[in-house]
Amino acid sequence: MWNVIRWIGYTAGGYALRSAYNWLFEDVDPVPGTKEFTKEYRKTYAKYERLRRIDEAYRKYRKRSDKGSDTTN
């Protein structure tokens, strides 16, 4: 019985340790000039451009809709 409990403990500990290690090291930025850096940069820049276009469209819509609704009387 003790061996089963010990095996479960070591297995759970191994999974927890591996998950913590992966979580700690998976978000490290790649070295500039490598293929990984270029791929990550392009992906991030595309996301930035997409969000900026959405934000600009939203601001343009809000500016246009706020012109007709003057409630400061």
Protein backbone atom coordinates (compact mmCIF):
# COMPACT_ATOMS: atom_id res chain seq x y z
CA MET A 1 0.00 0.00 0.00
CA TRP A 2 2.83 2.39 0.86
CA ASN A 3 4.39 1.85 -2.58
CA VAL A 4 1.14 2.81 -4.32
CA ILE A 5 0.84 6.03 -2.29
CA ARG A 6 4.49 6.83 -2.96
CA TRP A 7 4.06 6.17 -6.70
CA ILE A 8 1.02 8.45 -6.85
CA GLY A 9 2.90 11.14 -4.94
CA TYR A 10 5.92 11.01 -7.22
CA THR A 11 3.71 10.99 -10.32
CA ALA A 12 1.67 13.99 -9.16
CA GLY A 13 4.84 15.79 -8.09
CA GLY A 14 6.44 15.13 -11.48
CA TYR A 15 3.44 16.51 -13.34
CA ALA A 16 3.35 19.58 -11.10
CA LEU A 17 7.08 20.19 -11.50
CA ARG A 18 6.94 19.75 -15.28
CA SER A 19 3.96 22.10 -15.56
CA ALA A 20 5.69 24.72 -13.42
CA TYR A 21 8.89 24.42 -15.47
CA ASN A 22 7.00 24.72 -18.76
CA TRP A 23 5.02 27.68 -17.48
CA LEU A 24 8.19 29.40 -16.34
CA PHE A 25 10.16 28.95 -19.55
CA GLU A 26 7.55 28.94 -22.30
CA ASP A 27 7.09 32.73 -22.33
CA VAL A 28 10.76 33.62 -22.80
CA ASP A 29 11.24 35.97 -25.72
CA PRO A 30 13.35 34.59 -28.57
CA VAL A 31 16.72 36.07 -29.44
CA PRO A 32 16.46 38.89 -32.02
CA GLY A 33 17.63 37.89 -35.48
CA THR A 34 16.40 34.30 -35.29
CA LYS A 35 13.56 32.72 -37.25
CA GLU A 36 11.53 32.34 -34.05
CA PHE A 37 11.90 36.04 -33.29
CA THR A 38 10.81 37.02 -36.80
CA LYS A 39 7.79 34.74 -36.65
CA GLU A 40 6.77 36.04 -33.21
CA TYR A 41 7.34 39.65 -34.27
CA ARG A 42 5.22 39.29 -37.41
CA LYS A 43 2.42 37.62 -35.47
CA THR A 44 2.47 40.32 -32.79
CA TYR A 45 2.66 43.14 -35.33
CA ALA A 46 -0.28 41.70 -37.29
CA LYS A 47 -2.30 41.56 -34.08
CA TYR A 48 -1.33 45.17 -33.31
CA GLU A 49 -2.35 46.34 -36.79
CA ARG A 50 -5.69 44.50 -36.58
CA LEU A 51 -6.48 45.96 -33.15
CA ARG A 52 -5.44 49.44 -34.30
CA ARG A 53 -7.76 49.28 -37.32
CA ILE A 54 -10.64 48.15 -35.08
CA ASP A 55 -9.89 50.96 -32.62
CA GLU A 56 -9.69 53.59 -35.36
CA ALA A 57 -13.00 52.43 -36.83
CA TYR A 58 -14.59 52.55 -33.38
CA ARG A 59 -13.26 56.05 -32.67
CA LYS A 60 -14.42 57.27 -36.09
CA TYR A 61 -17.89 55.85 -35.47
CA ARG A 62 -18.05 57.37 -31.97
CA LYS A 63 -16.90 60.78 -33.22
CA ARG A 64 -19.51 60.73 -35.99
CA SER A 65 -22.33 59.61 -33.67
CA ASP A 66 -21.38 62.06 -30.91
CA LYS A 67 -21.62 65.08 -33.22
CA GLY A 68 -25.38 64.77 -33.55
CA SER A 69 -26.09 64.16 -29.86
CA ASP A 70 -25.35 67.39 -28.04
CA THR A 71 -26.78 67.00 -24.52
CA THR A 72 -25.08 69.96 -22.84
CA ASN A 73 -28.15 72.24 -23.02
